[in-house]
N, C-alpha and C. Protein backbone atom coordinates (compact mmCIF):
# COMPACT_ATOMS: atom_id res chain seq x y z
N MET A 1 53.17 91.83 -7.95
CA MET A 1 53.59 91.61 -9.36
C MET A 1 52.66 90.52 -9.99
N PRO A 2 52.24 90.78 -11.19
CA PRO A 2 51.13 89.93 -11.95
C PRO A 2 51.70 88.50 -12.16
N ARG A 3 50.85 87.56 -12.18
CA ARG A 3 51.06 86.25 -12.46
C ARG A 3 51.43 85.94 -14.03
N ALA A 4 52.67 85.39 -14.29
CA ALA A 4 52.94 84.95 -15.62
C ALA A 4 52.12 83.74 -16.05
N ASN A 5 51.56 83.93 -17.24
CA ASN A 5 50.52 82.81 -17.59
C ASN A 5 51.18 81.96 -18.74
N SER A 6 52.43 82.09 -19.03
CA SER A 6 53.12 81.41 -20.15
C SER A 6 52.33 81.21 -21.47
N SER A 7 51.86 82.40 -21.87
CA SER A 7 50.95 82.29 -23.12
C SER A 7 51.55 81.72 -24.30
N VAL A 8 52.86 82.04 -24.57
CA VAL A 8 53.39 81.59 -25.84
C VAL A 8 53.53 79.97 -25.90
N PRO A 9 54.12 79.43 -24.83
CA PRO A 9 54.15 77.89 -24.79
C PRO A 9 52.78 77.29 -24.93
N ARG A 10 51.71 77.90 -24.27
CA ARG A 10 50.35 77.40 -24.21
C ARG A 10 49.88 77.54 -25.59
N HIS A 11 50.05 78.59 -26.29
CA HIS A 11 49.50 78.69 -27.60
C HIS A 11 50.15 77.72 -28.54
N ARG A 12 51.38 77.49 -28.35
CA ARG A 12 52.10 76.46 -29.14
C ARG A 12 51.48 75.17 -29.04
N ARG A 13 51.30 74.71 -27.72
CA ARG A 13 50.74 73.44 -27.41
C ARG A 13 49.33 73.42 -28.02
N HIS A 14 48.52 74.35 -27.96
CA HIS A 14 47.10 74.34 -28.57
C HIS A 14 47.22 74.19 -30.00
N ARG A 15 48.09 74.99 -30.61
CA ARG A 15 48.23 75.14 -31.95
C ARG A 15 48.51 73.68 -32.56
N LYS A 16 49.50 72.94 -31.80
CA LYS A 16 49.98 71.66 -32.26
C LYS A 16 48.80 70.66 -32.16
N LEU A 17 48.02 70.70 -31.03
CA LEU A 17 47.02 69.77 -30.99
C LEU A 17 45.85 70.11 -32.03
N ILE A 18 45.52 71.40 -32.22
CA ILE A 18 44.51 71.77 -33.25
C ILE A 18 44.97 71.14 -34.60
N LYS A 19 46.13 71.33 -34.92
CA LYS A 19 46.77 70.59 -36.08
C LYS A 19 46.62 69.32 -36.32
N GLN A 20 46.55 68.56 -35.08
CA GLN A 20 46.52 67.08 -35.22
C GLN A 20 44.96 66.81 -35.40
N ALA A 21 44.06 67.57 -35.03
CA ALA A 21 42.66 67.40 -35.16
C ALA A 21 42.14 67.77 -36.68
N LYS A 22 42.92 68.20 -37.53
CA LYS A 22 42.61 68.63 -38.88
C LYS A 22 41.75 67.54 -39.53
N GLY A 23 40.56 67.98 -40.06
CA GLY A 23 39.76 66.98 -40.82
C GLY A 23 38.57 66.54 -39.91
N TYR A 24 38.60 66.82 -38.53
CA TYR A 24 37.59 66.40 -37.76
C TYR A 24 36.35 67.27 -38.06
N PHE A 25 35.12 66.75 -37.57
CA PHE A 25 33.94 67.38 -37.87
C PHE A 25 33.49 68.39 -36.70
N GLY A 26 32.97 69.59 -37.20
CA GLY A 26 32.43 70.57 -36.22
C GLY A 26 33.52 71.09 -35.35
N THR A 27 33.22 71.42 -34.08
CA THR A 27 34.13 72.06 -33.15
C THR A 27 35.39 71.11 -32.65
N ARG A 28 35.23 69.83 -33.17
CA ARG A 28 36.16 68.95 -32.73
C ARG A 28 37.60 69.29 -33.46
N LYS A 29 37.48 70.11 -34.59
CA LYS A 29 38.66 70.48 -35.22
C LYS A 29 39.17 71.88 -34.80
N SER A 30 38.36 72.73 -34.14
CA SER A 30 38.76 74.09 -33.85
C SER A 30 38.73 74.51 -32.39
N ASN A 31 37.91 73.82 -31.57
CA ASN A 31 37.81 74.06 -30.24
C ASN A 31 38.68 73.23 -29.42
N TYR A 32 39.66 73.92 -28.62
CA TYR A 32 40.78 73.17 -28.00
C TYR A 32 40.20 72.01 -27.05
N ARG A 33 39.16 72.42 -26.36
CA ARG A 33 38.66 71.44 -25.27
C ARG A 33 38.14 70.18 -25.93
N THR A 34 37.34 70.30 -26.97
CA THR A 34 36.80 69.21 -27.62
C THR A 34 37.95 68.44 -28.56
N ALA A 35 38.73 69.35 -29.03
CA ALA A 35 39.84 68.74 -30.00
C ALA A 35 40.73 67.75 -29.17
N LYS A 36 40.97 68.32 -28.12
CA LYS A 36 41.91 67.59 -27.06
C LYS A 36 41.35 66.14 -26.84
N ASP A 37 39.95 66.06 -26.49
CA ASP A 37 39.36 64.81 -26.29
C ASP A 37 39.42 63.98 -27.58
N ALA A 38 39.15 64.46 -28.67
CA ALA A 38 39.01 63.83 -29.98
C ALA A 38 40.28 63.30 -30.40
N VAL A 39 41.39 64.03 -30.29
CA VAL A 39 42.83 63.59 -30.53
C VAL A 39 43.00 62.37 -29.62
N GLN A 40 42.82 62.62 -28.36
CA GLN A 40 43.16 61.56 -27.44
C GLN A 40 42.57 60.16 -27.82
N LYS A 41 41.12 60.27 -28.06
CA LYS A 41 40.47 59.01 -28.43
C LYS A 41 40.91 58.49 -29.78
N ALA A 42 41.25 59.42 -30.74
CA ALA A 42 41.91 58.83 -31.97
C ALA A 42 43.18 58.19 -31.74
N LEU A 43 44.16 58.80 -30.89
CA LEU A 43 45.24 58.17 -30.66
C LEU A 43 45.09 56.66 -30.00
N LEU A 44 44.24 56.50 -29.11
CA LEU A 44 43.91 55.30 -28.49
C LEU A 44 43.27 54.27 -29.51
N TYR A 45 42.63 54.71 -30.47
CA TYR A 45 41.98 53.81 -31.52
C TYR A 45 43.15 53.34 -32.42
N ALA A 46 44.12 54.43 -32.66
CA ALA A 46 45.29 54.04 -33.65
C ALA A 46 46.12 52.93 -32.91
N TYR A 47 46.41 53.12 -31.59
CA TYR A 47 47.32 52.09 -30.91
C TYR A 47 46.52 50.71 -30.98
N ARG A 48 45.26 50.76 -30.52
CA ARG A 48 44.56 49.43 -30.61
C ARG A 48 44.57 48.82 -32.01
N ASP A 49 44.23 49.52 -32.98
CA ASP A 49 44.09 48.93 -34.35
C ASP A 49 45.47 48.60 -35.01
N ARG A 50 46.42 49.08 -34.40
CA ARG A 50 47.72 48.58 -35.05
C ARG A 50 47.95 47.27 -34.62
N ARG A 51 47.43 46.79 -33.59
CA ARG A 51 47.49 45.41 -33.16
C ARG A 51 46.36 44.64 -33.86
N ASN A 52 45.05 45.05 -33.96
CA ASN A 52 43.95 44.49 -34.68
C ASN A 52 44.30 44.22 -36.15
N LYS A 53 45.00 44.99 -36.66
CA LYS A 53 45.36 44.95 -38.05
C LYS A 53 46.24 43.63 -38.30
N LYS A 54 47.02 43.40 -37.54
CA LYS A 54 47.86 42.04 -37.59
C LYS A 54 46.89 40.81 -37.50
N ARG A 55 45.95 40.94 -36.72
CA ARG A 55 44.99 39.89 -36.56
C ARG A 55 44.21 39.68 -37.76
N SER A 56 43.76 40.87 -38.18
CA SER A 56 42.84 40.83 -39.53
C SER A 56 43.56 40.23 -40.74
N PHE A 57 44.79 40.64 -40.86
CA PHE A 57 45.55 40.20 -41.96
C PHE A 57 45.81 38.62 -41.88
N ARG A 58 46.17 38.15 -40.66
CA ARG A 58 46.29 36.64 -40.52
C ARG A 58 45.02 35.93 -40.88
N ARG A 59 43.94 36.39 -40.38
CA ARG A 59 42.60 35.72 -40.71
C ARG A 59 42.47 35.89 -42.22
N LEU A 60 42.69 36.93 -42.86
CA LEU A 60 42.60 36.90 -44.30
C LEU A 60 43.42 35.92 -44.99
N TRP A 61 44.80 35.73 -44.51
CA TRP A 61 45.55 34.96 -45.21
C TRP A 61 45.22 33.50 -45.00
N ILE A 62 44.79 33.16 -43.77
CA ILE A 62 44.23 31.85 -43.59
C ILE A 62 43.10 31.50 -44.43
N THR A 63 42.16 32.43 -44.64
CA THR A 63 40.95 32.27 -45.50
C THR A 63 41.45 31.84 -46.97
N ARG A 64 42.38 32.72 -47.40
CA ARG A 64 42.88 32.49 -48.78
C ARG A 64 43.57 31.20 -48.90
N ILE A 65 44.43 30.84 -48.02
CA ILE A 65 45.23 29.44 -48.02
C ILE A 65 44.04 28.37 -47.98
N ASN A 66 43.14 28.39 -47.15
CA ASN A 66 42.19 27.29 -47.03
C ASN A 66 41.38 27.25 -48.45
N ALA A 67 41.04 28.34 -49.02
CA ALA A 67 40.32 28.32 -50.45
C ALA A 67 41.06 27.60 -51.39
N GLY A 68 42.38 28.08 -51.44
CA GLY A 68 43.45 27.40 -52.42
C GLY A 68 43.68 25.90 -52.01
N ALA A 69 43.75 25.55 -50.76
CA ALA A 69 43.88 24.24 -50.40
C ALA A 69 42.67 23.34 -50.70
N ARG A 70 41.51 23.89 -50.62
CA ARG A 70 40.37 23.20 -50.94
C ARG A 70 40.12 22.97 -52.58
N LEU A 71 40.63 23.98 -53.34
CA LEU A 71 40.64 23.77 -54.76
C LEU A 71 41.61 22.64 -55.12
N ASN A 72 42.49 22.32 -54.11
CA ASN A 72 43.40 21.27 -54.62
C ASN A 72 43.23 20.02 -53.75
N GLY A 73 42.02 20.01 -53.21
CA GLY A 73 41.65 18.66 -52.75
C GLY A 73 42.06 18.34 -51.12
N THR A 74 42.33 19.49 -50.50
CA THR A 74 42.76 19.15 -48.98
C THR A 74 42.28 20.28 -48.18
N THR A 75 42.66 20.36 -47.05
CA THR A 75 42.21 21.37 -46.16
C THR A 75 43.31 22.17 -45.74
N TYR A 76 43.00 23.29 -45.02
CA TYR A 76 44.06 24.24 -44.42
C TYR A 76 44.65 23.40 -43.36
N SER A 77 44.14 22.74 -42.44
CA SER A 77 44.85 22.23 -41.44
C SER A 77 45.77 20.99 -41.78
N LYS A 78 45.27 20.31 -42.81
CA LYS A 78 46.14 19.15 -43.35
C LYS A 78 47.31 19.78 -44.10
N LEU A 79 47.14 20.97 -44.83
CA LEU A 79 48.22 21.38 -45.52
C LEU A 79 49.30 22.00 -44.44
N ILE A 80 48.86 22.68 -43.46
CA ILE A 80 49.93 23.26 -42.48
C ILE A 80 50.51 22.16 -41.83
N ALA A 81 49.76 20.95 -41.37
CA ALA A 81 50.53 19.93 -40.73
C ALA A 81 51.50 19.33 -41.70
N GLY A 82 51.05 19.20 -42.94
CA GLY A 82 51.91 18.60 -44.00
C GLY A 82 53.34 19.35 -44.29
N LEU A 83 53.06 20.84 -44.27
CA LEU A 83 54.31 21.60 -44.38
C LEU A 83 55.29 21.52 -43.18
N LYS A 84 54.58 21.46 -41.86
CA LYS A 84 55.52 21.31 -40.71
C LYS A 84 56.10 19.98 -40.70
N ASN A 85 55.50 18.89 -41.17
CA ASN A 85 56.04 17.64 -41.05
C ASN A 85 57.24 17.46 -42.08
N ASN A 86 57.24 18.12 -43.21
CA ASN A 86 58.10 18.15 -44.24
C ASN A 86 59.22 19.21 -44.16
N ASP A 87 59.15 19.96 -42.99
CA ASP A 87 60.10 21.06 -42.71
C ASP A 87 60.18 22.04 -43.86
N MET A 88 58.99 22.46 -44.33
CA MET A 88 58.88 23.61 -45.42
C MET A 88 58.47 24.80 -44.71
N ALA A 89 59.48 25.73 -44.48
CA ALA A 89 59.25 27.01 -43.70
C ALA A 89 58.71 28.12 -44.63
N LEU A 90 57.33 28.00 -44.79
CA LEU A 90 56.68 29.12 -45.56
C LEU A 90 55.58 29.62 -44.59
N ASN A 91 55.69 31.04 -44.47
CA ASN A 91 54.73 31.68 -43.72
C ASN A 91 53.41 31.87 -44.33
N ARG A 92 52.37 32.17 -43.57
CA ARG A 92 51.10 32.25 -44.14
C ARG A 92 50.91 33.46 -45.26
N LYS A 93 51.71 34.53 -44.93
CA LYS A 93 51.69 35.63 -45.90
C LYS A 93 52.08 35.19 -47.26
N THR A 94 53.12 34.43 -47.43
CA THR A 94 53.65 34.00 -48.58
C THR A 94 52.93 32.98 -49.13
N LEU A 95 52.20 31.97 -48.36
CA LEU A 95 51.36 31.07 -48.87
C LEU A 95 50.06 31.67 -49.57
N ALA A 96 49.64 32.70 -48.86
CA ALA A 96 48.33 33.43 -49.42
C ALA A 96 48.60 34.09 -50.69
N TYR A 97 49.76 34.79 -50.66
CA TYR A 97 50.15 35.34 -52.01
C TYR A 97 50.24 34.38 -53.18
N LEU A 98 50.81 33.09 -52.82
CA LEU A 98 50.91 32.18 -53.91
C LEU A 98 49.62 31.56 -54.33
N ALA A 99 48.76 31.45 -53.32
CA ALA A 99 47.29 30.97 -53.65
C ALA A 99 46.65 31.81 -54.49
N VAL A 100 46.77 33.09 -54.34
CA VAL A 100 45.88 34.07 -55.12
C VAL A 100 46.64 34.48 -56.44
N HIS A 101 48.00 34.62 -56.45
CA HIS A 101 48.73 35.15 -57.64
C HIS A 101 49.43 34.07 -58.54
N HIS A 102 49.76 32.93 -57.94
CA HIS A 102 50.48 31.94 -58.55
C HIS A 102 50.00 30.64 -58.10
N PRO A 103 48.67 30.18 -58.59
CA PRO A 103 48.05 29.13 -58.25
C PRO A 103 48.84 27.73 -58.69
N ASP A 104 49.53 27.79 -59.85
CA ASP A 104 50.27 26.59 -60.25
C ASP A 104 51.32 26.28 -59.17
N SER A 105 52.16 27.29 -58.80
CA SER A 105 53.22 27.05 -57.61
C SER A 105 52.55 26.60 -56.29
N PHE A 106 51.47 27.31 -56.13
CA PHE A 106 50.75 26.80 -54.91
C PHE A 106 50.22 25.27 -54.93
N THR A 107 49.79 25.03 -56.09
CA THR A 107 49.46 23.48 -56.28
C THR A 107 50.57 22.51 -56.08
N GLU A 108 51.79 23.01 -56.64
CA GLU A 108 53.03 22.07 -56.42
C GLU A 108 53.38 21.92 -54.96
N ILE A 109 53.25 23.15 -54.15
CA ILE A 109 53.55 23.24 -52.73
C ILE A 109 52.57 22.26 -52.10
N VAL A 110 51.35 22.26 -52.46
CA VAL A 110 50.28 21.42 -51.73
C VAL A 110 50.58 20.06 -51.99
N ASN A 111 50.82 19.70 -53.33
CA ASN A 111 51.19 18.24 -53.52
C ASN A 111 52.38 17.78 -52.84
N SER A 112 53.40 18.61 -52.74
CA SER A 112 54.63 18.11 -52.05
C SER A 112 54.46 18.01 -50.50
N ALA A 113 53.62 18.83 -49.97
CA ALA A 113 53.39 18.78 -48.67
C ALA A 113 52.43 17.78 -48.03
N VAL A 114 51.34 17.50 -48.89
CA VAL A 114 50.39 16.42 -48.43
C VAL A 114 50.73 15.01 -48.95
N SER A 115 51.49 14.90 -50.01
CA SER A 115 51.78 13.58 -50.57
C SER A 115 52.67 12.65 -49.75
N LYS A 116 53.70 13.47 -49.07
CA LYS A 116 54.53 12.59 -48.19
C LYS A 116 54.13 12.17 -47.02
């Protein structure tokens, strides 16, 4: 009796993976063997960079807060210490948004945090 090679499920698996490789260059988008490696590598990069994205945004927020703080005559570290001492619970994302889009409000926050 001939061996069954499960061609329909295999073709579905291959088609699904080739669909994931859409937009890749050369045979990486059409050849199953190379597409499999390319998709696996892409998924690893995606997993890693979902974590790196959080780090990058935190660095950006800190840079913006520091720039805004220095415009108001203080430093980032003194501002954060003042916020903690005065129990002002503002996260870095909010502070960075205020520093860029609402500098007057940010100035008030800096003055109330540092002056006490």
